[in-house]
Amino acid sequence: MEKQTTHHLLMVRPANFARASETVADNSFQEVVANESFTAIGQRAVAEFDQFVVLLREAGVQVTVIEDTVSPVKPDAVFPNNWFSTHADGVLVTYPTFWPQRRMERRTDVIEQLGERCTISDHIDLSSWEAEERYLESTGCLLLDRTARIAYACISQRCSPEAVHAWCERMDYKPITFHGYDQRGAVIYHTNVMMALGTTHAVICLDAITDAGEKSKVTDSLALSGKRIVGLSQDQMDQFAGNMLEVETAQGPLWVMSTSAHAALDQAQLDALLEPPGTRILHSDLGTIERYGGGSARCMLGEIFLPMQH
């Protein structure tokens, strides 16, 4: 049985954060840069990134840091979880992205670097789906219950239903698709801003799913797979409380989130996440990355499930 969480994360240190980003068009969490210089914003983003890495390593997480290349300019490179996923059987998948500028984030040198330390038994490249306008931005779109083999996906222009079903058929997962909207009525661009799946808990903004049938499909599936639901409000989702990740450490489970997300949660929610005993919460200030990147802690973490070479 595959584990839900990993102790090994890949992160990309940004070189041109938020510079001329086109993704603001469909990401209502992201702000257009107006009165600040890209240089100042970029420096703050790198400082936030570096501090986040320090905290993760201090907490016992193995972090592989990759330097973003200066050219071509990749404003969203700090969010690598949108272009690849890895799996315990040694499979690495690369994905079709909706925005053309994000396609440059797929780097063969990063895959080669991983292959030097991990066993990659198969590389499934789905980028050709872009020619058919089938988009699927990895674990931004696919919330994977790796143990129960269920993939939850909020349909958007970055997450085509045909792509979800084709992926699930290929990878032997059961698809659970639905539609989600924020409190402004905008389509939720990535499933992982409204939902997080841990070993025992599912954090989810059920208010975002307006169709009653879809909502019960999701809650029934979570209940059947034994997940305890921690419900989020729309306001909490806006503070990136849905964009968290459970990781594994030698000291026990660790929920990773931004300081903004942590501040948005109430005590009952925090208490729920701290079960079973020994579970910890790590939060780091990602305010600049959240504001101008439109993503938070989860988006910055590429999970490495590949077997390590001995």
Protein backbone atom coordinates (compact mmCIF):
# COMPACT_ATOMS: atom_id res chain seq x y z
CA MET A 1 0.00 0.00 0.00
CA GLU A 2 1.36 3.40 -0.96
CA LYS A 3 1.97 5.95 1.80
CA GLN A 4 0.06 9.22 1.76
CA THR A 5 3.01 11.39 2.77
CA THR A 6 6.72 11.72 2.09
CA HIS A 7 9.72 13.14 3.97
CA HIS A 8 11.43 14.41 0.78
CA LEU A 9 10.42 17.65 -0.95
CA LEU A 10 11.74 19.46 -4.01
CA MET A 11 11.62 23.27 -4.07
CA VAL A 12 12.65 25.76 -6.77
CA ARG A 13 14.33 28.99 -5.64
CA PRO A 14 12.83 31.72 -7.84
CA ALA A 15 14.96 33.87 -10.17
CA ASN A 16 12.23 36.06 -11.74
CA PHE A 17 9.32 35.82 -9.32
CA ALA A 18 6.04 37.41 -10.56
CA ARG A 19 7.78 39.19 -13.43
CA ALA A 20 5.25 39.67 -16.26
CA SER A 21 3.05 36.84 -15.05
CA GLU A 22 0.07 36.11 -17.31
CA THR A 23 -1.58 33.72 -14.85
CA VAL A 24 -3.27 36.59 -13.00
CA ALA A 25 -6.03 36.34 -15.62
CA ASP A 26 -7.58 33.22 -14.04
CA ASN A 27 -6.09 33.26 -10.54
CA SER A 28 -8.28 35.41 -8.30
CA PHE A 29 -5.83 34.86 -5.42
CA GLN A 30 -3.08 36.73 -7.30
CA GLU A 31 -2.49 40.50 -7.47
CA VAL A 32 -1.08 42.44 -10.38
CA VAL A 33 2.18 44.17 -9.51
CA ALA A 34 1.39 47.89 -9.50
CA ASN A 35 3.54 50.28 -7.49
CA GLU A 36 6.46 48.10 -6.48
CA SER A 37 9.55 47.18 -8.40
CA PHE A 38 9.95 43.59 -9.54
CA THR A 39 13.42 43.63 -8.00
CA ALA A 40 12.11 44.45 -4.51
CA ILE A 41 9.31 41.89 -4.80
CA GLY A 42 11.73 39.28 -6.10
CA GLN A 43 14.15 39.86 -3.23
CA ARG A 44 11.37 39.51 -0.66
CA ALA A 45 10.12 36.34 -2.33
CA VAL A 46 13.61 34.79 -2.23
CA ALA A 47 13.95 35.73 1.45
CA GLU A 48 10.59 34.08 2.21
CA PHE A 49 11.65 31.02 0.23
CA ASP A 50 14.98 30.69 2.02
CA GLN A 51 13.41 31.05 5.47
CA PHE A 52 10.78 28.41 4.57
CA VAL A 53 13.54 25.97 3.55
CA VAL A 54 15.38 26.58 6.85
CA LEU A 55 12.23 25.89 8.89
CA LEU A 56 11.43 22.71 6.95
CA ARG A 57 14.94 21.35 7.38
CA GLU A 58 14.96 22.22 11.09
CA ALA A 59 11.69 20.29 11.42
CA GLY A 60 13.31 17.18 9.95
CA VAL A 61 12.18 17.38 6.32
CA GLN A 62 14.60 16.51 3.52
CA VAL A 63 14.51 19.42 1.04
CA THR A 64 16.18 19.36 -2.37
CA VAL A 65 16.55 22.97 -3.55
CA ILE A 66 16.81 23.60 -7.28
CA GLU A 67 17.91 27.00 -8.58
CA ASP A 68 15.54 28.53 -11.11
CA THR A 69 17.31 29.46 -14.35
CA VAL A 70 17.34 33.19 -15.12
CA SER A 71 16.44 32.58 -18.75
CA PRO A 72 13.83 31.91 -19.97
CA VAL A 73 11.86 34.03 -17.48
CA LYS A 74 9.53 31.78 -15.46
CA PRO A 75 7.46 33.95 -13.07
CA ASP A 76 5.81 30.94 -11.38
CA ALA A 77 8.86 28.65 -11.11
CA VAL A 78 8.55 28.74 -7.30
CA PHE A 79 5.47 26.47 -7.69
CA PRO A 80 6.96 23.20 -9.05
CA ASN A 81 4.07 21.02 -7.90
CA ASN A 82 2.20 22.04 -11.08
CA TRP A 83 4.49 20.41 -13.64
CA PHE A 84 5.54 17.06 -12.21
CA SER A 85 4.50 14.33 -9.80
CA THR A 86 6.37 11.32 -8.47
CA HIS A 87 5.12 7.96 -7.29
CA ALA A 88 6.38 5.19 -5.03
CA ASP A 89 6.74 2.71 -7.92
CA GLY A 90 9.41 4.94 -9.48
CA VAL A 91 7.11 6.68 -11.97
CA LEU A 92 7.62 10.38 -12.67
CA VAL A 93 4.91 12.21 -14.62
CA THR A 94 5.25 15.59 -16.35
CA TYR A 95 2.08 17.51 -17.11
CA PRO A 96 0.31 19.75 -19.67
CA THR A 97 -0.12 23.31 -18.36
CA PHE A 98 -2.71 25.82 -19.51
CA TRP A 99 -0.54 28.96 -19.61
CA PRO A 100 2.24 28.74 -22.24
CA GLN A 101 4.76 30.58 -20.02
CA ARG A 102 4.46 27.79 -17.43
CA ARG A 103 5.51 25.11 -19.93
CA MET A 104 9.09 26.36 -19.64
CA GLU A 105 9.13 25.22 -16.01
CA ARG A 106 9.34 21.59 -17.15
CA ARG A 107 13.08 21.00 -16.92
CA THR A 108 14.83 17.82 -18.03
CA ASP A 109 17.88 18.81 -15.97
CA VAL A 110 15.75 18.71 -12.80
CA ILE A 111 14.51 15.23 -13.72
CA GLU A 112 18.09 14.15 -14.40
CA GLN A 113 19.19 15.52 -11.02
CA LEU A 114 16.44 13.53 -9.31
CA GLY A 115 17.48 10.45 -11.30
CA GLU A 116 20.99 10.67 -9.87
CA ARG A 117 19.69 10.08 -6.34
CA CYS A 118 16.37 8.36 -6.89
CA THR A 119 15.18 5.48 -9.04
CA ILE A 120 12.99 6.66 -11.93
CA SER A 121 11.60 3.50 -13.52
CA ASP A 122 9.34 5.32 -15.98
CA HIS A 123 8.85 8.91 -17.15
CA ILE A 124 5.32 9.55 -18.43
CA ASP A 125 5.30 12.80 -20.41
CA LEU A 126 1.77 14.14 -20.92
CA SER A 127 2.81 17.51 -22.34
CA SER A 128 1.53 16.50 -25.82
CA TRP A 129 -1.99 16.87 -24.41
CA GLU A 130 -1.50 20.65 -24.73
CA ALA A 131 -1.94 20.32 -28.51
CA GLU A 132 -5.40 18.85 -27.81
CA GLU A 133 -6.18 21.54 -25.21
CA ARG A 134 -6.31 18.92 -22.46
CA TYR A 135 -4.75 20.47 -19.37
CA LEU A 136 -3.86 18.93 -16.02
CA GLU A 137 -1.50 20.82 -13.74
CA SER A 138 -0.25 17.91 -11.63
CA THR A 139 -0.95 17.99 -7.89
CA GLY A 140 -2.31 21.51 -8.23
CA CYS A 141 -5.30 19.88 -9.94
CA LEU A 142 -5.11 16.31 -8.65
CA LEU A 143 -5.57 15.90 -4.90
CA LEU A 144 -4.35 12.34 -4.51
CA ASP A 145 -5.47 9.93 -1.84
CA ARG A 146 -2.50 7.70 -2.56
CA THR A 147 -3.56 4.99 -0.13
CA ALA A 148 -7.14 4.63 -1.37
CA ARG A 149 -6.16 5.41 -5.01
CA ILE A 150 -8.66 8.25 -5.37
CA ALA A 151 -7.97 11.49 -7.28
CA TYR A 152 -10.09 14.53 -6.36
CA ALA A 153 -10.14 17.25 -9.02
CA CYS A 154 -11.84 20.65 -9.24
CA ILE A 155 -12.59 21.25 -12.92
CA SER A 156 -11.24 24.51 -14.40
CA GLN A 157 -9.52 25.65 -17.58
CA ARG A 158 -6.32 24.31 -16.02
CA CYS A 159 -7.95 20.96 -15.20
CA SER A 160 -9.79 19.28 -18.10
CA PRO A 161 -12.21 16.49 -17.13
CA GLU A 162 -10.98 14.34 -20.07
CA ALA A 163 -7.42 14.72 -18.81
CA VAL A 164 -8.40 13.74 -15.26
CA HIS A 165 -10.13 10.58 -16.47
CA ALA A 166 -7.30 9.64 -18.83
CA TRP A 167 -4.73 10.14 -16.06
CA CYS A 168 -6.75 8.06 -13.61
CA GLU A 169 -7.09 5.23 -16.11
CA ARG A 170 -3.35 5.27 -16.76
CA MET A 171 -2.36 5.48 -13.08
CA ASP A 172 -5.11 3.24 -11.66
CA TYR A 173 -6.94 5.88 -9.62
CA LYS A 174 -10.66 6.52 -9.21
CA PRO A 175 -11.61 10.06 -10.32
CA ILE A 176 -13.88 12.28 -8.20
CA THR A 177 -14.48 15.50 -10.14
CA PHE A 178 -16.45 18.56 -9.06
CA HIS A 179 -16.75 22.32 -9.64
CA GLY A 180 -15.62 24.89 -7.09
CA TYR A 181 -16.13 28.65 -6.79
CA ASP A 182 -14.68 31.25 -4.45
CA GLN A 183 -16.82 33.86 -2.69
CA ARG A 184 -16.41 36.22 -5.63
CA GLY A 185 -17.99 33.60 -7.89
CA ALA A 186 -14.71 32.89 -9.69
CA VAL A 187 -13.85 29.33 -10.66
CA ILE A 188 -11.23 27.89 -8.31
CA TYR A 189 -8.18 27.56 -10.52
CA HIS A 190 -6.47 24.71 -8.61
CA THR A 191 -7.98 22.04 -6.37
CA ASN A 192 -5.16 22.49 -3.85
CA VAL A 193 -6.26 25.99 -2.82
CA MET A 194 -9.56 24.60 -1.50
CA MET A 195 -8.47 21.15 -0.32
CA ALA A 196 -5.64 19.23 1.36
CA LEU A 197 -5.43 15.51 2.07
CA GLY A 198 -3.43 14.04 4.90
CA THR A 199 -3.11 10.55 6.33
CA THR A 200 -6.16 10.87 8.58
CA HIS A 201 -7.69 14.25 7.71
CA ALA A 202 -9.14 16.07 4.73
CA VAL A 203 -9.09 19.87 4.92
CA ILE A 204 -11.68 21.25 2.51
CA CYS A 205 -13.84 24.29 1.79
CA LEU A 206 -17.11 22.48 1.09
CA ASP A 207 -18.88 25.86 0.68
CA ALA A 208 -16.96 26.22 -2.59
CA ILE A 209 -18.83 23.23 -4.08
CA THR A 210 -22.24 24.70 -4.91
CA ASP A 211 -23.76 21.62 -6.56
CA ALA A 212 -25.37 19.46 -3.84
CA GLY A 213 -24.80 16.22 -5.75
CA GLU A 214 -21.11 16.97 -6.27
CA LYS A 215 -20.72 17.99 -2.63
CA SER A 216 -22.20 14.73 -1.36
CA LYS A 217 -20.08 12.75 -3.84
CA VAL A 218 -16.96 14.32 -2.34
CA THR A 219 -18.00 13.98 1.32
CA ASP A 220 -19.17 10.36 0.82
CA SER A 221 -15.86 9.45 -0.81
CA LEU A 222 -13.85 11.08 1.99
CA ALA A 223 -15.95 9.33 4.64
CA LEU A 224 -15.65 5.92 2.95
CA SER A 225 -11.88 6.26 2.82
CA GLY A 226 -11.79 7.12 6.53
CA LYS A 227 -10.81 10.78 6.30
CA ARG A 228 -11.94 13.14 9.04
CA ILE A 229 -13.14 16.37 7.45
CA VAL A 230 -11.82 19.71 8.71
CA GLY A 231 -14.13 22.23 7.08
CA LEU A 232 -12.92 25.64 5.92
CA SER A 233 -14.91 28.81 5.30
CA GLN A 234 -14.55 30.84 2.11
CA ASP A 235 -12.70 33.52 4.09
CA GLN A 236 -10.23 30.94 5.39
CA MET A 237 -9.69 29.59 1.88
CA ASP A 238 -8.90 33.16 0.77
CA GLN A 239 -6.11 33.18 3.37
CA PHE A 240 -4.67 30.00 1.77
CA ALA A 241 -5.82 27.75 4.63
CA GLY A 242 -6.65 25.07 2.06
CA ASN A 243 -3.14 25.19 0.60
CA MET A 244 -1.34 23.03 3.14
CA LEU A 245 0.54 19.74 2.97
CA GLU A 246 1.14 16.94 5.43
CA VAL A 247 4.70 15.63 5.33
CA GLU A 248 6.49 12.88 7.18
CA THR A 249 9.35 13.36 9.64
CA ALA A 250 11.21 11.05 12.02
CA GLN A 251 9.41 12.91 14.84
CA GLY A 252 5.95 12.24 13.37
CA PRO A 253 3.52 13.92 10.93
CA LEU A 254 3.96 17.61 10.14
CA TRP A 255 1.34 19.89 8.59
CA VAL A 256 3.04 22.62 6.55
CA MET A 257 1.28 25.90 5.76
CA SER A 258 1.81 29.65 5.55
CA THR A 259 1.56 31.99 8.52
CA SER A 260 -1.48 33.55 6.86
CA ALA A 261 -3.19 30.14 6.68
CA HIS A 262 -2.27 29.33 10.27
CA ALA A 263 -3.65 32.66 11.53
CA ALA A 264 -6.93 32.03 9.67
CA LEU A 265 -7.61 28.70 11.38
CA ASP A 266 -9.55 28.56 14.65
CA GLN A 267 -8.48 26.55 17.68
CA ALA A 268 -10.84 23.65 16.98
CA GLN A 269 -9.41 23.28 13.48
CA LEU A 270 -5.83 23.45 14.76
CA ASP A 271 -6.64 20.87 17.45
CA ALA A 272 -8.10 18.53 14.82
CA LEU A 273 -4.95 18.80 12.70
CA LEU A 274 -2.78 18.03 15.74
CA GLU A 275 -4.29 14.54 15.98
CA PRO A 276 -3.01 11.90 16.31
CA PRO A 277 -0.73 12.98 19.21
CA GLY A 278 2.77 13.79 18.03
CA THR A 279 1.56 15.66 14.96
CA ARG A 280 3.08 19.14 14.58
CA ILE A 281 2.27 22.25 12.56
CA LEU A 282 4.92 24.34 10.79
CA HIS A 283 4.05 27.73 9.34
CA SER A 284 6.21 30.25 7.54
CA ASP A 285 5.56 33.82 6.35
CA LEU A 286 4.91 33.66 2.60
CA GLY A 287 3.03 36.95 2.27
CA THR A 288 4.82 38.23 -0.85
CA ILE A 289 4.67 34.88 -2.63
CA GLU A 290 0.97 34.56 -1.80
CA ARG A 291 0.10 38.10 -2.84
CA TYR A 292 1.92 38.26 -6.15
CA GLY A 293 2.15 34.56 -6.99
CA GLY A 294 -1.38 33.56 -6.03
CA GLY A 295 -0.13 30.35 -4.43
CA SER A 296 1.09 29.35 -1.01
CA ALA A 297 2.99 26.68 0.91
CA ARG A 298 1.53 23.61 -0.81
CA CYS A 299 2.19 24.98 -4.30
CA MET A 300 5.88 25.43 -3.45
CA LEU A 301 6.42 21.79 -2.47
CA GLY A 302 7.08 19.06 -5.02
CA GLU A 303 6.65 15.74 -3.23
CA ILE A 304 9.32 13.10 -3.95
CA PHE A 305 7.97 9.57 -3.50
CA LEU A 306 10.59 7.93 -5.74
CA PRO A 307 12.67 5.15 -4.15
CA MET A 308 16.10 6.39 -3.11
CA GLN A 309 19.14 4.74 -4.67
CA HIS A 310 21.34 2.90 -2.19
